[in-house]
Structures are given as structure tokens and as C-alpha cells.
């Protein structure tokens, strides 16, 4: 199922009896900080809409493992994860597999 929020697509799915919504971000062509700022802003908007429209869904940000490891494991990334209550699906783009679920 897809939800259209301002011409963007958000994937709705179920994982182990938990309802999830996934926003996939590529972080291509921008500085990591700018891409992160944009992704977190969009994440906050989606989360607000989901709370009202689909309150039983949890929102995850899907990003490549190299982005997670290079930015979100750094102190600034950890602060953002904690303050913004970010949840991640970390994937290996080359192998096309999910490598981590970060709640």
C-alpha cells in the first residue's frame, strides 16, 4: 500500500505483526548534512500525518548502510536519532538486503 503525501510515496507494510511505514532516502548529490536535514524534516511531516491518518503505524527511514555508518553513527547523528526519535531500516544497496532494523 502507498500513501501519497504531497506527491511523495510512503510505503506501508507489516513486519512481525507490527504495522510500519517506510520512507526511502538515497542521500545522493547533496552534502550529508543537507540531505539529513531534508530527510528529518520530511520524516517529521510524515510522522505527524501518520499519527492522525494511520495511528497504528510506526515510521521508519530507509537508508543505505554507508550513509548510516558514516553519518548516523557519529555524535551528531546519535543526537538526531535520540532527539527526533528516528527509526531506521538500514540496507545494503549492492546486495539489495536489509542489514539492520534500528528502533
C-alpha atoms as a PDB file:
ATOM      1  CA  UNK A   1       0.000   0.000   0.000  1.00  0.00           C
ATOM      2  CA  UNK A   2       1.240   3.524  -0.764  1.00  0.00           C
ATOM      3  CA  UNK A   3       0.207   6.807   0.789  1.00  0.00           C
ATOM      4  CA  UNK A   4       0.600   9.973  -1.251  1.00  0.00           C
ATOM      5  CA  UNK A   5       1.682  12.877   0.955  1.00  0.00           C
ATOM      6  CA  UNK A   6       2.294  15.874  -1.259  1.00  0.00           C
ATOM      7  CA  UNK A   7       3.315  13.863  -4.346  1.00  0.00           C
ATOM      8  CA  UNK A   8       5.733  11.714  -2.356  1.00  0.00           C
ATOM      9  CA  UNK A   9       5.248   8.000  -1.796  1.00  0.00           C
ATOM     10  CA  UNK A  10       5.394   6.334   1.564  1.00  0.00           C
ATOM     11  CA  UNK A  11       5.349   2.536   1.730  1.00  0.00           C
ATOM     12  CA  UNK A  12       3.011   0.954   4.273  1.00  0.00           C
ATOM     13  CA  UNK A  13       3.690  -2.654   5.274  1.00  0.00           C
ATOM     14  CA  UNK A  14       3.601  -5.130   8.133  1.00  0.00           C
ATOM     15  CA  UNK A  15       6.600  -6.663   9.866  1.00  0.00           C
ATOM     16  CA  UNK A  16       6.134  -9.347  12.517  1.00  0.00           C
ATOM     17  CA  UNK A  17       2.571  -8.191  13.234  1.00  0.00           C
ATOM     18  CA  UNK A  18       3.770  -4.576  13.520  1.00  0.00           C
ATOM     19  CA  UNK A  19       2.450  -2.016  11.051  1.00  0.00           C
ATOM     20  CA  UNK A  20       5.203   0.120   9.570  1.00  0.00           C
ATOM     21  CA  UNK A  21       5.556   2.998   7.133  1.00  0.00           C
ATOM     22  CA  UNK A  22       8.837   3.377   5.260  1.00  0.00           C
ATOM     23  CA  UNK A  23      10.330   6.484   3.653  1.00  0.00           C
ATOM     24  CA  UNK A  24      13.294   5.527   1.432  1.00  0.00           C
ATOM     25  CA  UNK A  25      16.044   8.161   1.129  1.00  0.00           C
ATOM     26  CA  UNK A  26      19.069   7.995  -1.164  1.00  0.00           C
ATOM     27  CA  UNK A  27      21.209  10.932   0.073  1.00  0.00           C
ATOM     28  CA  UNK A  28      22.604  11.289  -3.460  1.00  0.00           C
ATOM     29  CA  UNK A  29      24.010  14.513  -4.850  1.00  0.00           C
ATOM     30  CA  UNK A  30      23.880  16.530  -1.632  1.00  0.00           C
ATOM     31  CA  UNK A  31      26.092  17.042   1.350  1.00  0.00           C
ATOM     32  CA  UNK A  32      25.263  14.536   4.083  1.00  0.00           C
ATOM     33  CA  UNK A  33      24.221  17.330   6.427  1.00  0.00           C
ATOM     34  CA  UNK A  34      21.870  18.926   3.885  1.00  0.00           C
ATOM     35  CA  UNK A  35      20.407  15.542   2.924  1.00  0.00           C
ATOM     36  CA  UNK A  36      19.951  14.683   6.596  1.00  0.00           C
ATOM     37  CA  UNK A  37      18.213  17.983   7.290  1.00  0.00           C
ATOM     38  CA  UNK A  38      15.836  17.417   4.387  1.00  0.00           C
ATOM     39  CA  UNK A  39      15.188  13.786   5.349  1.00  0.00           C
ATOM     40  CA  UNK A  40      14.478  14.595   9.000  1.00  0.00           C
ATOM     41  CA  UNK A  41      12.168  17.454   8.034  1.00  0.00           C
ATOM     42  CA  UNK A  42      10.239  15.207   5.689  1.00  0.00           C
ATOM     43  CA  UNK A  43      10.247  12.439   8.327  1.00  0.00           C
ATOM     44  CA  UNK A  44       8.677  14.833  10.857  1.00  0.00           C
ATOM     45  CA  UNK A  45       5.938  15.793   8.392  1.00  0.00           C
ATOM     46  CA  UNK A  46       5.181  12.167   7.525  1.00  0.00           C
ATOM     47  CA  UNK A  47       5.165  11.198  11.205  1.00  0.00           C
ATOM     48  CA  UNK A  48       2.659  13.962  12.023  1.00  0.00           C
ATOM     49  CA  UNK A  49       0.346  12.916   9.185  1.00  0.00           C
ATOM     50  CA  UNK A  50       0.648   9.220  10.052  1.00  0.00           C
ATOM     51  CA  UNK A  51      -0.232   9.867  13.690  1.00  0.00           C
ATOM     52  CA  UNK A  52      -3.560  11.262  12.538  1.00  0.00           C
ATOM     53  CA  UNK A  53      -4.317   9.125   9.479  1.00  0.00           C
ATOM     54  CA  UNK A  54      -2.693   5.800  10.406  1.00  0.00           C
ATOM     55  CA  UNK A  55      -2.033   5.954  14.162  1.00  0.00           C
ATOM     56  CA  UNK A  56      -1.133   2.268  14.446  1.00  0.00           C
ATOM     57  CA  UNK A  57       1.822   2.592  12.024  1.00  0.00           C
ATOM     58  CA  UNK A  58       5.435   3.254  13.054  1.00  0.00           C
ATOM     59  CA  UNK A  59       7.543   5.318  10.634  1.00  0.00           C
ATOM     60  CA  UNK A  60      10.995   4.141   9.530  1.00  0.00           C
ATOM     61  CA  UNK A  61      13.585   5.932   7.428  1.00  0.00           C
ATOM     62  CA  UNK A  62      15.238   3.502   4.988  1.00  0.00           C
ATOM     63  CA  UNK A  63      18.820   4.456   4.113  1.00  0.00           C
ATOM     64  CA  UNK A  64      21.913   2.795   2.719  1.00  0.00           C
ATOM     65  CA  UNK A  65      24.306   1.252   5.226  1.00  0.00           C
ATOM     66  CA  UNK A  66      27.178   3.503   4.112  1.00  0.00           C
ATOM     67  CA  UNK A  67      25.125   6.605   4.970  1.00  0.00           C
ATOM     68  CA  UNK A  68      24.052   5.207   8.322  1.00  0.00           C
ATOM     69  CA  UNK A  69      27.631   4.221   9.197  1.00  0.00           C
ATOM     70  CA  UNK A  70      29.220   7.481   8.040  1.00  0.00           C
ATOM     71  CA  UNK A  71      26.696   9.934   9.473  1.00  0.00           C
ATOM     72  CA  UNK A  72      24.258   8.453  11.965  1.00  0.00           C
ATOM     73  CA  UNK A  73      26.894   6.606  13.985  1.00  0.00           C
ATOM     74  CA  UNK A  74      28.735   9.900  14.547  1.00  0.00           C
ATOM     75  CA  UNK A  75      27.891  12.028  17.629  1.00  0.00           C
ATOM     76  CA  UNK A  76      25.705  14.465  15.634  1.00  0.00           C
ATOM     77  CA  UNK A  77      23.803  11.546  14.134  1.00  0.00           C
ATOM     78  CA  UNK A  78      23.254   9.978  17.555  1.00  0.00           C
ATOM     79  CA  UNK A  79      21.903  13.276  18.887  1.00  0.00           C
ATOM     80  CA  UNK A  80      19.444  13.482  15.989  1.00  0.00           C
ATOM     81  CA  UNK A  81      18.362   9.859  16.434  1.00  0.00           C
ATOM     82  CA  UNK A  82      17.671  10.442  20.107  1.00  0.00           C
ATOM     83  CA  UNK A  83      16.073  13.892  19.852  1.00  0.00           C
ATOM     84  CA  UNK A  84      13.927  13.112  16.795  1.00  0.00           C
ATOM     85  CA  UNK A  85      13.147   9.515  17.823  1.00  0.00           C
ATOM     86  CA  UNK A  86      14.311   8.246  14.420  1.00  0.00           C
ATOM     87  CA  UNK A  87      13.820   4.624  13.435  1.00  0.00           C
ATOM     88  CA  UNK A  88      15.812   3.123  10.562  1.00  0.00           C
ATOM     89  CA  UNK A  89      15.830   0.315   8.085  1.00  0.00           C
ATOM     90  CA  UNK A  90      19.473   0.130   7.041  1.00  0.00           C
ATOM     91  CA  UNK A  91      20.076  -1.676   3.755  1.00  0.00           C
ATOM     92  CA  UNK A  92      22.982  -2.848   1.631  1.00  0.00           C
ATOM     93  CA  UNK A  93      22.248  -1.367  -1.794  1.00  0.00           C
ATOM     94  CA  UNK A  94      24.650  -3.672  -3.641  1.00  0.00           C
ATOM     95  CA  UNK A  95      23.260  -6.874  -2.135  1.00  0.00           C
ATOM     96  CA  UNK A  96      19.723  -5.459  -2.033  1.00  0.00           C
ATOM     97  CA  UNK A  97      19.159  -6.718   1.518  1.00  0.00           C
ATOM     98  CA  UNK A  98      18.201  -5.155   4.826  1.00  0.00           C
ATOM     99  CA  UNK A  99      21.209  -5.274   7.132  1.00  0.00           C
ATOM    100  CA  UNK A 100      19.723  -3.685  10.274  1.00  0.00           C
ATOM    101  CA  UNK A 101      16.492  -2.552  11.890  1.00  0.00           C
ATOM    102  CA  UNK A 102      17.155   0.340  14.263  1.00  0.00           C
ATOM    103  CA  UNK A 103      14.320   1.079  16.675  1.00  0.00           C
END
